[in-house]
Protein backbone atom coordinates (compact mmCIF):
# COMPACT_ATOMS: atom_id res chain seq x y z
CA UNK A 1 0.00 0.00 0.00
CA UNK A 2 1.42 3.35 -0.96
CA UNK A 3 1.44 6.49 1.16
CA UNK A 4 -1.77 7.67 -0.49
CA UNK A 5 -3.46 4.46 0.64
CA UNK A 6 -2.51 5.19 4.23
CA UNK A 7 -3.88 8.70 3.95
CA UNK A 8 -7.16 7.51 2.46
CA UNK A 9 -7.45 4.86 5.17
CA UNK A 10 -6.89 7.51 7.87
CA UNK A 11 -9.48 9.80 6.28
CA UNK A 12 -11.98 6.91 6.17
CA UNK A 13 -11.36 6.07 9.84
CA UNK A 14 -11.77 9.71 10.85
CA UNK A 15 -15.08 9.85 8.98
CA UNK A 16 -16.29 6.66 10.68
CA UNK A 17 -15.25 8.02 14.09
CA UNK A 18 -17.17 11.26 13.50
CA UNK A 19 -20.27 9.25 12.54
CA UNK A 20 -19.97 7.08 15.66
CA UNK A 21 -19.52 10.18 17.81
CA UNK A 22 -22.65 11.72 16.31
CA UNK A 23 -24.54 8.50 17.05
CA UNK A 24 -23.33 8.54 20.65
CA UNK A 25 -24.37 12.16 21.06
CA UNK A 26 -27.80 11.33 19.67
CA UNK A 27 -28.16 8.42 22.10
CA UNK A 28 -27.10 10.68 24.96
CA UNK A 29 -29.76 13.21 24.04
CA UNK A 30 -32.37 10.46 23.83
CA UNK A 31 -31.35 9.06 27.21
CA UNK A 32 -31.46 12.50 28.84
CA UNK A 33 -34.92 13.08 27.43
CA UNK A 34 -36.08 9.61 28.48
CA UNK A 35 -34.70 9.73 32.02
CA UNK A 36 -35.15 13.39 32.79
CA UNK A 37 -36.19 13.78 36.36
CA UNK A 38 -39.41 15.45 37.21
CA UNK A 39 -40.72 16.11 40.65
CA UNK A 40 -44.21 14.78 41.12
CA UNK A 41 -46.81 17.03 42.66
CA UNK A 42 -47.20 15.92 46.26
CA UNK A 43 -48.78 17.64 49.17
CA UNK A 44 -46.90 18.96 52.18
CA UNK A 45 -48.40 16.24 54.37
CA UNK A 46 -47.23 13.54 51.96
CA UNK A 47 -43.75 15.07 51.90
CA UNK A 48 -43.61 15.17 55.71
CA UNK A 49 -44.78 11.56 55.93
CA UNK A 50 -42.08 10.42 53.51
CA UNK A 51 -39.38 12.33 55.43
CA UNK A 52 -40.58 10.86 58.73
CA UNK A 53 -40.45 7.33 57.29
CA UNK A 54 -36.93 7.94 55.99
CA UNK A 55 -35.74 9.18 59.38
CA UNK A 56 -37.31 6.19 61.13
CA UNK A 57 -35.63 3.81 58.68
CA UNK A 58 -32.26 5.50 59.19
CA UNK A 59 -32.61 5.21 62.97
CA UNK A 60 -33.49 1.52 62.68
CA UNK A 61 -30.46 0.92 60.47
CA UNK A 62 -28.20 2.73 62.94
CA UNK A 63 -29.54 0.60 65.80
CA UNK A 64 -28.98 -2.55 63.75
CA UNK A 65 -25.39 -1.64 62.88
CA UNK A 66 -24.57 -0.64 66.43
CA UNK A 67 -25.93 -3.98 67.74
CA UNK A 68 -23.79 -5.87 65.24
CA UNK A 69 -20.75 -3.78 66.19
CA UNK A 70 -21.27 -4.50 69.90
CA UNK A 71 -21.77 -8.20 69.17
CA UNK A 72 -18.49 -8.35 67.24
CA UNK A 73 -16.65 -6.49 70.01
CA UNK A 74 -18.09 -8.81 72.66
CA UNK A 75 -17.16 -11.92 70.66
CA UNK A 76 -13.63 -10.61 70.16
CA UNK A 77 -13.24 -9.89 73.87
CA UNK A 78 -14.49 -13.36 74.79
CA UNK A 79 -12.05 -14.97 72.36
CA UNK A 80 -9.16 -12.87 73.70
CA UNK A 81 -10.05 -13.77 77.30
CA UNK A 82 -10.22 -17.47 76.39
CA UNK A 83 -6.79 -17.31 74.74
CA UNK A 84 -5.39 -15.50 77.77
CA UNK A 85 -6.85 -18.10 80.15
CA UNK A 86 -5.61 -21.01 78.03
CA UNK A 87 -2.11 -19.69 77.61
PDB file of N, CA and C in Angstrom:
ATOM      1  N   UNK A   1       0.848  -1.173   0.000  1.00  0.00           N
ATOM      2  CA  UNK A   1       0.000   0.000   0.000  1.00  0.00           C
ATOM      3  C   UNK A   1       0.892   1.233   0.000  1.00  0.00           C
ATOM      4  N   UNK A   2       0.606   2.148  -0.866  1.00  0.00           N
ATOM      5  CA  UNK A   2       1.420   3.354  -0.959  1.00  0.00           C
ATOM      6  C   UNK A   2       1.021   4.334   0.131  1.00  0.00           C
ATOM      7  N   UNK A   3       1.725   5.449   0.171  1.00  0.00           N
ATOM      8  CA  UNK A   3       1.438   6.486   1.162  1.00  0.00           C
ATOM      9  C   UNK A   3       0.031   7.023   0.993  1.00  0.00           C
ATOM     10  N   UNK A   4      -0.423   7.157  -0.235  1.00  0.00           N
ATOM     11  CA  UNK A   4      -1.769   7.667  -0.492  1.00  0.00           C
ATOM     12  C   UNK A   4      -2.812   6.713   0.087  1.00  0.00           C
ATOM     13  N   UNK A   5      -2.541   5.426   0.057  1.00  0.00           N
ATOM     14  CA  UNK A   5      -3.461   4.457   0.638  1.00  0.00           C
ATOM     15  C   UNK A   5      -3.592   4.639   2.142  1.00  0.00           C
ATOM     16  N   UNK A   6      -2.477   4.936   2.790  1.00  0.00           N
ATOM     17  CA  UNK A   6      -2.511   5.188   4.228  1.00  0.00           C
ATOM     18  C   UNK A   6      -3.332   6.441   4.545  1.00  0.00           C
ATOM     19  N   UNK A   7      -3.154   7.446   3.739  1.00  0.00           N
ATOM     20  CA  UNK A   7      -3.881   8.700   3.954  1.00  0.00           C
ATOM     21  C   UNK A   7      -5.370   8.470   3.763  1.00  0.00           C
ATOM     22  N   UNK A   8      -5.745   7.770   2.695  1.00  0.00           N
ATOM     23  CA  UNK A   8      -7.161   7.510   2.459  1.00  0.00           C
ATOM     24  C   UNK A   8      -7.767   6.651   3.576  1.00  0.00           C
ATOM     25  N   UNK A   9      -6.979   5.692   4.073  1.00  0.00           N
ATOM     26  CA  UNK A   9      -7.454   4.858   5.174  1.00  0.00           C
ATOM     27  C   UNK A   9      -7.665   5.713   6.423  1.00  0.00           C
ATOM     28  N   UNK A  10      -6.754   6.632   6.701  1.00  0.00           N
ATOM     29  CA  UNK A  10      -6.890   7.509   7.866  1.00  0.00           C
ATOM     30  C   UNK A  10      -8.103   8.427   7.707  1.00  0.00           C
ATOM     31  N   UNK A  11      -8.312   8.944   6.526  1.00  0.00           N
ATOM     32  CA  UNK A  11      -9.483   9.795   6.279  1.00  0.00           C
ATOM     33  C   UNK A  11     -10.764   9.001   6.476  1.00  0.00           C
ATOM     34  N   UNK A  12     -10.802   7.758   6.005  1.00  0.00           N
ATOM     35  CA  UNK A  12     -11.981   6.910   6.169  1.00  0.00           C
ATOM     36  C   UNK A  12     -12.248   6.634   7.643  1.00  0.00           C
ATOM     37  N   UNK A  13     -11.188   6.330   8.415  1.00  0.00           N
ATOM     38  CA  UNK A  13     -11.363   6.065   9.842  1.00  0.00           C
ATOM     39  C   UNK A  13     -11.843   7.308  10.584  1.00  0.00           C
ATOM     40  N   UNK A  14     -11.317   8.459  10.227  1.00  0.00           N
ATOM     41  CA  UNK A  14     -11.773   9.706  10.851  1.00  0.00           C
ATOM     42  C   UNK A  14     -13.252   9.951  10.572  1.00  0.00           C
ATOM     43  N   UNK A  15     -13.669   9.677   9.341  1.00  0.00           N
ATOM     44  CA  UNK A  15     -15.077   9.848   8.976  1.00  0.00           C
ATOM     45  C   UNK A  15     -15.955   8.892   9.778  1.00  0.00           C
ATOM     46  N   UNK A  16     -15.519   7.639   9.895  1.00  0.00           N
ATOM     47  CA  UNK A  16     -16.287   6.659  10.679  1.00  0.00           C
ATOM     48  C   UNK A  16     -16.358   7.075  12.149  1.00  0.00           C
ATOM     49  N   UNK A  17     -15.260   7.574  12.692  1.00  0.00           N
ATOM     50  CA  UNK A  17     -15.247   8.017  14.089  1.00  0.00           C
ATOM     51  C   UNK A  17     -16.199   9.183  14.315  1.00  0.00           C
ATOM     52  N   UNK A  18     -16.241  10.126  13.371  1.00  0.00           N
ATOM     53  CA  UNK A  18     -17.172  11.256  13.503  1.00  0.00           C
ATOM     54  C   UNK A  18     -18.618  10.775  13.479  1.00  0.00           C
ATOM     55  N   UNK A  19     -18.910   9.797  12.602  1.00  0.00           N
ATOM     56  CA  UNK A  19     -20.271   9.254  12.537  1.00  0.00           C
ATOM     57  C   UNK A  19     -20.639   8.545  13.833  1.00  0.00           C
ATOM     58  N   UNK A  20     -19.709   7.769  14.388  1.00  0.00           N
ATOM     59  CA  UNK A  20     -19.973   7.083  15.657  1.00  0.00           C
ATOM     60  C   UNK A  20     -20.171   8.093  16.784  1.00  0.00           C
ATOM     61  N   UNK A  21     -19.375   9.155  16.782  1.00  0.00           N
ATOM     62  CA  UNK A  21     -19.518  10.183  17.806  1.00  0.00           C
ATOM     63  C   UNK A  21     -20.875  10.866  17.705  1.00  0.00           C
ATOM     64  N   UNK A  22     -21.316  11.135  16.486  1.00  0.00           N
ATOM     65  CA  UNK A  22     -22.650  11.724  16.307  1.00  0.00           C
ATOM     66  C   UNK A  22     -23.741  10.780  16.803  1.00  0.00           C
ATOM     67  N   UNK A  23     -23.564   9.483  16.562  1.00  0.00           N
ATOM     68  CA  UNK A  23     -24.537   8.500  17.046  1.00  0.00           C
ATOM     69  C   UNK A  23     -24.567   8.487  18.574  1.00  0.00           C
ATOM     70  N   UNK A  24     -23.394   8.529  19.185  1.00  0.00           N
ATOM     71  CA  UNK A  24     -23.333   8.540  20.649  1.00  0.00           C
ATOM     72  C   UNK A  24     -23.987   9.792  21.220  1.00  0.00           C
ATOM     73  N   UNK A  25     -23.748  10.918  20.585  1.00  0.00           N
ATOM     74  CA  UNK A  25     -24.369  12.162  21.056  1.00  0.00           C
ATOM     75  C   UNK A  25     -25.885  12.076  20.942  1.00  0.00           C
ATOM     76  N   UNK A  26     -26.359  11.495  19.841  1.00  0.00           N
ATOM     77  CA  UNK A  26     -27.797  11.333  19.667  1.00  0.00           C
ATOM     78  C   UNK A  26     -28.391  10.419  20.728  1.00  0.00           C
ATOM     79  N   UNK A  27     -27.677   9.328  21.054  1.00  0.00           N
ATOM     80  CA  UNK A  27     -28.163   8.420  22.102  1.00  0.00           C
ATOM     81  C   UNK A  27     -28.173   9.106  23.451  1.00  0.00           C
ATOM     82  N   UNK A  28     -27.152   9.946  23.696  1.00  0.00           N
ATOM     83  CA  UNK A  28     -27.103  10.681  24.960  1.00  0.00           C
ATOM     84  C   UNK A  28     -28.272  11.631  25.094  1.00  0.00           C
ATOM     85  N   UNK A  29     -28.615  12.308  24.011  1.00  0.00           N
ATOM     86  CA  UNK A  29     -29.762  13.214  24.043  1.00  0.00           C
ATOM     87  C   UNK A  29     -31.047  12.444  24.285  1.00  0.00           C
ATOM     88  N   UNK A  30     -31.174  11.279  23.625  1.00  0.00           N
ATOM     89  CA  UNK A  30     -32.372  10.463  23.825  1.00  0.00           C
ATOM     90  C   UNK A  30     -32.469   9.983  25.275  1.00  0.00           C
ATOM     91  N   UNK A  31     -31.337   9.561  25.830  1.00  0.00           N
ATOM     92  CA  UNK A  31     -31.346   9.064  27.205  1.00  0.00           C
ATOM     93  C   UNK A  31     -31.689  10.186  28.179  1.00  0.00           C
ATOM     94  N   UNK A  32     -31.139  11.369  27.959  1.00  0.00           N
ATOM     95  CA  UNK A  32     -31.459  12.504  28.845  1.00  0.00           C
ATOM     96  C   UNK A  32     -32.936  12.840  28.769  1.00  0.00           C
ATOM     97  N   UNK A  33     -33.491  12.778  27.570  1.00  0.00           N
ATOM     98  CA  UNK A  33     -34.920  13.076  27.427  1.00  0.00           C
ATOM     99  C   UNK A  33     -35.764  11.979  28.073  1.00  0.00           C
ATOM    100  N   UNK A  34     -35.309  10.738  27.954  1.00  0.00           N
ATOM    101  CA  UNK A  34     -36.078   9.612  28.484  1.00  0.00           C
ATOM    102  C   UNK A  34     -36.034   9.579  30.005  1.00  0.00           C
ATOM    103  N   UNK A  35     -34.872   9.857  30.588  1.00  0.00           N
ATOM    104  CA  UNK A  35     -34.704   9.730  32.023  1.00  0.00           C
ATOM    105  C   UNK A  35     -34.678  11.074  32.745  1.00  0.00           C
ATOM    106  N   UNK A  36     -35.170  12.088  32.119  1.00  0.00           N
ATOM    107  CA  UNK A  36     -35.151  13.385  32.791  1.00  0.00           C
ATOM    108  C   UNK A  36     -36.004  13.304  34.043  1.00  0.00           C
ATOM    109  N   UNK A  37     -35.476  13.883  35.085  1.00  0.00           N
ATOM    110  CA  UNK A  37     -36.187  13.785  36.361  1.00  0.00           C
ATOM    111  C   UNK A  37     -37.249  14.869  36.423  1.00  0.00           C
ATOM    112  N   UNK A  38     -38.351  14.493  36.971  1.00  0.00           N
ATOM    113  CA  UNK A  38     -39.412  15.447  37.208  1.00  0.00           C
ATOM    114  C   UNK A  38     -39.948  15.194  38.608  1.00  0.00           C
ATOM    115  N   UNK A  39     -40.228  16.230  39.294  1.00  0.00           N
ATOM    116  CA  UNK A  39     -40.718  16.107  40.655  1.00  0.00           C
ATOM    117  C   UNK A  39     -42.230  16.004  40.606  1.00  0.00           C
ATOM    118  N   UNK A  40     -42.763  14.920  41.149  1.00  0.00           N
ATOM    119  CA  UNK A  40     -44.214  14.785  41.122  1.00  0.00           C
ATOM    120  C   UNK A  40     -44.864  15.783  42.077  1.00  0.00           C
ATOM    121  N   UNK A  41     -46.078  16.115  41.791  1.00  0.00           N
ATOM    122  CA  UNK A  41     -46.809  17.029  42.657  1.00  0.00           C
ATOM    123  C   UNK A  41     -47.322  16.248  43.863  1.00  0.00           C
ATOM    124  N   UNK A  42     -46.744  16.560  45.039  1.00  0.00           N
ATOM    125  CA  UNK A  42     -47.198  15.918  46.262  1.00  0.00           C
ATOM    126  C   UNK A  42     -47.525  17.009  47.276  1.00  0.00           C
ATOM    127  N   UNK A  43     -48.371  16.662  48.173  1.00  0.00           N
ATOM    128  CA  UNK A  43     -48.781  17.640  49.172  1.00  0.00           C
ATOM    129  C   UNK A  43     -47.723  17.737  50.270  1.00  0.00           C
ATOM    130  N   UNK A  44     -47.847  18.759  51.092  1.00  0.00           N
ATOM    131  CA  UNK A  44     -46.902  18.958  52.184  1.00  0.00           C
ATOM    132  C   UNK A  44     -47.008  17.825  53.197  1.00  0.00           C
ATOM    133  N   UNK A  45     -48.220  17.331  53.434  1.00  0.00           N
ATOM    134  CA  UNK A  45     -48.399  16.235  54.372  1.00  0.00           C
ATOM    135  C   UNK A  45     -47.719  14.962  53.868  1.00  0.00           C
ATOM    136  N   UNK A  46     -47.863  14.717  52.568  1.00  0.00           N
ATOM    137  CA  UNK A  46     -47.231  13.543  51.964  1.00  0.00           C
ATOM    138  C   UNK A  46     -45.710  13.649  52.066  1.00  0.00           C
ATOM    139  N   UNK A  47     -45.188  14.832  51.815  1.00  0.00           N
ATOM    140  CA  UNK A  47     -43.747  15.072  51.899  1.00  0.00           C
ATOM    141  C   UNK A  47     -43.256  14.852  53.327  1.00  0.00           C
ATOM    142  N   UNK A  48     -43.986  15.349  54.306  1.00  0.00           N
ATOM    143  CA  UNK A  48     -43.605  15.173  55.712  1.00  0.00           C
ATOM    144  C   UNK A  48     -43.661  13.694  56.107  1.00  0.00           C
ATOM    145  N   UNK A  49     -44.663  12.981  55.627  1.00  0.00           N
ATOM    146  CA  UNK A  49     -44.784  11.559  55.933  1.00  0.00           C
ATOM    147  C   UNK A  49     -43.601  10.774  55.367  1.00  0.00           C
ATOM    148  N   UNK A  50     -43.214  11.102  54.140  1.00  0.00           N
ATOM    149  CA  UNK A  50     -42.076  10.421  53.515  1.00  0.00           C
ATOM    150  C   UNK A  50     -40.798  10.712  54.282  1.00  0.00           C
ATOM    151  N   UNK A  51     -40.584  11.978  54.656  1.00  0.00           N
ATOM    152  CA  UNK A  51     -39.384  12.333  55.427  1.00  0.00           C
ATOM    153  C   UNK A  51     -39.362  11.624  56.772  1.00  0.00           C
ATOM    154  N   UNK A  52     -40.506  11.533  57.438  1.00  0.00           N
ATOM    155  CA  UNK A  52     -40.583  10.859  58.731  1.00  0.00           C
ATOM    156  C   UNK A  52     -40.242   9.374  58.579  1.00  0.00           C
ATOM    157  N   UNK A  53     -40.759   8.740  57.523  1.00  0.00           N
ATOM    158  CA  UNK A  53     -40.449   7.328  57.288  1.00  0.00           C
ATOM    159  C   UNK A  53     -38.960   7.133  57.018  1.00  0.00           C
ATOM    160  N   UNK A  54     -38.358   8.051  56.270  1.00  0.00           N
ATOM    161  CA  UNK A  54     -36.928   7.943  55.991  1.00  0.00           C
ATOM    162  C   UNK A  54     -36.107   8.065  57.266  1.00  0.00           C
ATOM    163  N   UNK A  55     -36.475   9.006  58.120  1.00  0.00           N
ATOM    164  CA  UNK A  55     -35.743   9.184  59.378  1.00  0.00           C
ATOM    165  C   UNK A  55     -35.893   7.959  60.270  1.00  0.00           C
ATOM    166  N   UNK A  56     -37.095   7.390  60.332  1.00  0.00           N
ATOM    167  CA  UNK A  56     -37.306   6.187  61.129  1.00  0.00           C
ATOM    168  C   UNK A  56     -36.464   5.030  60.591  1.00  0.00           C
ATOM    169  N   UNK A  57     -36.417   4.886  59.286  1.00  0.00           N
ATOM    170  CA  UNK A  57     -35.633   3.806  58.681  1.00  0.00           C
ATOM    171  C   UNK A  57     -34.142   4.003  58.968  1.00  0.00           C
ATOM    172  N   UNK A  58     -33.666   5.235  58.895  1.00  0.00           N
ATOM    173  CA  UNK A  58     -32.262   5.504  59.195  1.00  0.00           C
ATOM    174  C   UNK A  58     -31.948   5.171  60.645  1.00  0.00           C
ATOM    175  N   UNK A  59     -32.833   5.519  61.560  1.00  0.00           N
ATOM    176  CA  UNK A  59     -32.609   5.208  62.967  1.00  0.00           C
ATOM    177  C   UNK A  59     -32.582   3.697  63.195  1.00  0.00           C
ATOM    178  N   UNK A  60     -33.477   2.973  62.546  1.00  0.00           N
ATOM    179  CA  UNK A  60     -33.494   1.517  62.680  1.00  0.00           C
ATOM    180  C   UNK A  60     -32.205   0.905  62.147  1.00  0.00           C
ATOM    181  N   UNK A  61     -31.705   1.431  61.026  1.00  0.00           N
ATOM    182  CA  UNK A  61     -30.463   0.916  60.469  1.00  0.00           C
ATOM    183  C   UNK A  61     -29.295   1.213  61.399  1.00  0.00           C
ATOM    184  N   UNK A  62     -29.260   2.395  62.015  1.00  0.00           N
ATOM    185  CA  UNK A  62     -28.195   2.734  62.944  1.00  0.00           C
ATOM    186  C   UNK A  62     -28.228   1.813  64.161  1.00  0.00           C
ATOM    187  N   UNK A  63     -29.418   1.521  64.677  1.00  0.00           N
ATOM    188  CA  UNK A  63     -29.540   0.600  65.804  1.00  0.00           C
ATOM    189  C   UNK A  63     -29.030  -0.785  65.418  1.00  0.00           C
ATOM    190  N   UNK A  64     -29.392  -1.228  64.227  1.00  0.00           N
ATOM    191  CA  UNK A  64     -28.980  -2.550  63.751  1.00  0.00           C
ATOM    192  C   UNK A  64     -27.462  -2.634  63.647  1.00  0.00           C
ATOM    193  N   UNK A  65     -26.842  -1.627  63.037  1.00  0.00           N
ATOM    194  CA  UNK A  65     -25.392  -1.643  62.876  1.00  0.00           C
ATOM    195  C   UNK A  65     -24.676  -1.528  64.211  1.00  0.00           C
ATOM    196  N   UNK A  66     -25.219  -0.752  65.126  1.00  0.00           N
ATOM    197  CA  UNK A  66     -24.565  -0.639  66.429  1.00  0.00           C
ATOM    198  C   UNK A  66     -24.674  -1.960  67.187  1.00  0.00           C
ATOM    199  N   UNK A  67     -25.796  -2.670  67.095  1.00  0.00           N
ATOM    200  CA  UNK A  67     -25.926  -3.981  67.739  1.00  0.00           C
ATOM    201  C   UNK A  67     -24.916  -4.966  67.178  1.00  0.00           C
ATOM    202  N   UNK A  68     -24.764  -4.964  65.861  1.00  0.00           N
ATOM    203  CA  UNK A  68     -23.794  -5.870  65.240  1.00  0.00           C
ATOM    204  C   UNK A  68     -22.374  -5.506  65.695  1.00  0.00           C
ATOM    205  N   UNK A  69     -22.081  -4.217  65.760  1.00  0.00           N
ATOM    206  CA  UNK A  69     -20.751  -3.777  66.193  1.00  0.00           C
ATOM    207  C   UNK A  69     -20.479  -4.246  67.620  1.00  0.00           C
ATOM    208  N   UNK A  70     -21.453  -4.070  68.518  1.00  0.00           N
ATOM    209  CA  UNK A  70     -21.272  -4.500  69.903  1.00  0.00           C
ATOM    210  C   UNK A  70     -21.136  -6.014  70.000  1.00  0.00           C
ATOM    211  N   UNK A  71     -21.868  -6.742  69.176  1.00  0.00           N
ATOM    212  CA  UNK A  71     -21.766  -8.197  69.165  1.00  0.00           C
ATOM    213  C   UNK A  71     -20.372  -8.645  68.731  1.00  0.00           C
ATOM    214  N   UNK A  72     -19.836  -8.012  67.721  1.00  0.00           N
ATOM    215  CA  UNK A  72     -18.490  -8.354  67.243  1.00  0.00           C
ATOM    216  C   UNK A  72     -17.453  -8.019  68.304  1.00  0.00           C
ATOM    217  N   UNK A  73     -17.587  -6.879  68.954  1.00  0.00           N
ATOM    218  CA  UNK A  73     -16.645  -6.491  70.009  1.00  0.00           C
ATOM    219  C   UNK A  73     -16.716  -7.481  71.165  1.00  0.00           C
ATOM    220  N   UNK A  74     -17.929  -7.859  71.560  1.00  0.00           N
ATOM    221  CA  UNK A  74     -18.086  -8.815  72.659  1.00  0.00           C
ATOM    222  C   UNK A  74     -17.477 -10.166  72.295  1.00  0.00           C
ATOM    223  N   UNK A  75     -17.717 -10.640  71.093  1.00  0.00           N
ATOM    224  CA  UNK A  75     -17.157 -11.920  70.663  1.00  0.00           C
ATOM    225  C   UNK A  75     -15.637 -11.865  70.643  1.00  0.00           C
ATOM    226  N   UNK A  76     -15.081 -10.761  70.187  1.00  0.00           N
ATOM    227  CA  UNK A  76     -13.632 -10.606  70.158  1.00  0.00           C
ATOM    228  C   UNK A  76     -13.057 -10.606  71.567  1.00  0.00           C
ATOM    229  N   UNK A  77     -13.707  -9.909  72.485  1.00  0.00           N
ATOM    230  CA  UNK A  77     -13.235  -9.890  73.865  1.00  0.00           C
ATOM    231  C   UNK A  77     -13.297 -11.279  74.491  1.00  0.00           C
ATOM    232  N   UNK A  78     -14.372 -12.004  74.248  1.00  0.00           N
ATOM    233  CA  UNK A  78     -14.493 -13.362  74.794  1.00  0.00           C
ATOM    234  C   UNK A  78     -13.388 -14.256  74.253  1.00  0.00           C
ATOM    235  N   UNK A  79     -13.119 -14.153  72.965  1.00  0.00           N
ATOM    236  CA  UNK A  79     -12.054 -14.966  72.359  1.00  0.00           C
ATOM    237  C   UNK A  79     -10.705 -14.595  72.947  1.00  0.00           C
ATOM    238  N   UNK A  80     -10.438 -13.296  73.118  1.00  0.00           N
ATOM    239  CA  UNK A  80      -9.163 -12.867  73.704  1.00  0.00           C
ATOM    240  C   UNK A  80      -9.030 -13.349  75.142  1.00  0.00           C
ATOM    241  N   UNK A  81     -10.098 -13.304  75.915  1.00  0.00           N
ATOM    242  CA  UNK A  81     -10.051 -13.772  77.296  1.00  0.00           C
ATOM    243  C   UNK A  81      -9.815 -15.275  77.336  1.00  0.00           C
ATOM    244  N   UNK A  82     -10.446 -16.024  76.438  1.00  0.00           N
ATOM    245  CA  UNK A  82     -10.218 -17.467  76.387  1.00  0.00           C
ATOM    246  C   UNK A  82      -8.767 -17.798  76.042  1.00  0.00           C
ATOM    247  N   UNK A  83      -8.202 -17.081  75.070  1.00  0.00           N
ATOM    248  CA  UNK A  83      -6.794 -17.313  74.744  1.00  0.00           C
ATOM    249  C   UNK A  83      -5.897 -16.958  75.913  1.00  0.00           C
ATOM    250  N   UNK A  84      -6.220 -15.916  76.622  1.00  0.00           N
ATOM    251  CA  UNK A  84      -5.394 -15.500  77.766  1.00  0.00           C
ATOM    252  C   UNK A  84      -5.466 -16.543  78.878  1.00  0.00           C
ATOM    253  N   UNK A  85      -6.683 -17.086  79.105  1.00  0.00           N
ATOM    254  CA  UNK A  85      -6.848 -18.099  80.148  1.00  0.00           C
ATOM    255  C   UNK A  85      -6.138 -19.394  79.754  1.00  0.00           C
ATOM    256  N   UNK A  86      -6.242 -19.753  78.486  1.00  0.00           N
ATOM    257  CA  UNK A  86      -5.614 -21.014  78.031  1.00  0.00           C
ATOM    258  C   UNK A  86      -4.107 -20.919  78.068  1.00  0.00           C
ATOM    259  N   UNK A  87      -3.553 -19.818  77.664  1.00  0.00           N
ATOM    260  CA  UNK A  87      -2.108 -19.693  77.614  1.00  0.00           C
ATOM    261  C   UNK A  87      -1.624 -18.986  78.844  1.00  0.00           C
TER     262      UNK A  87
END
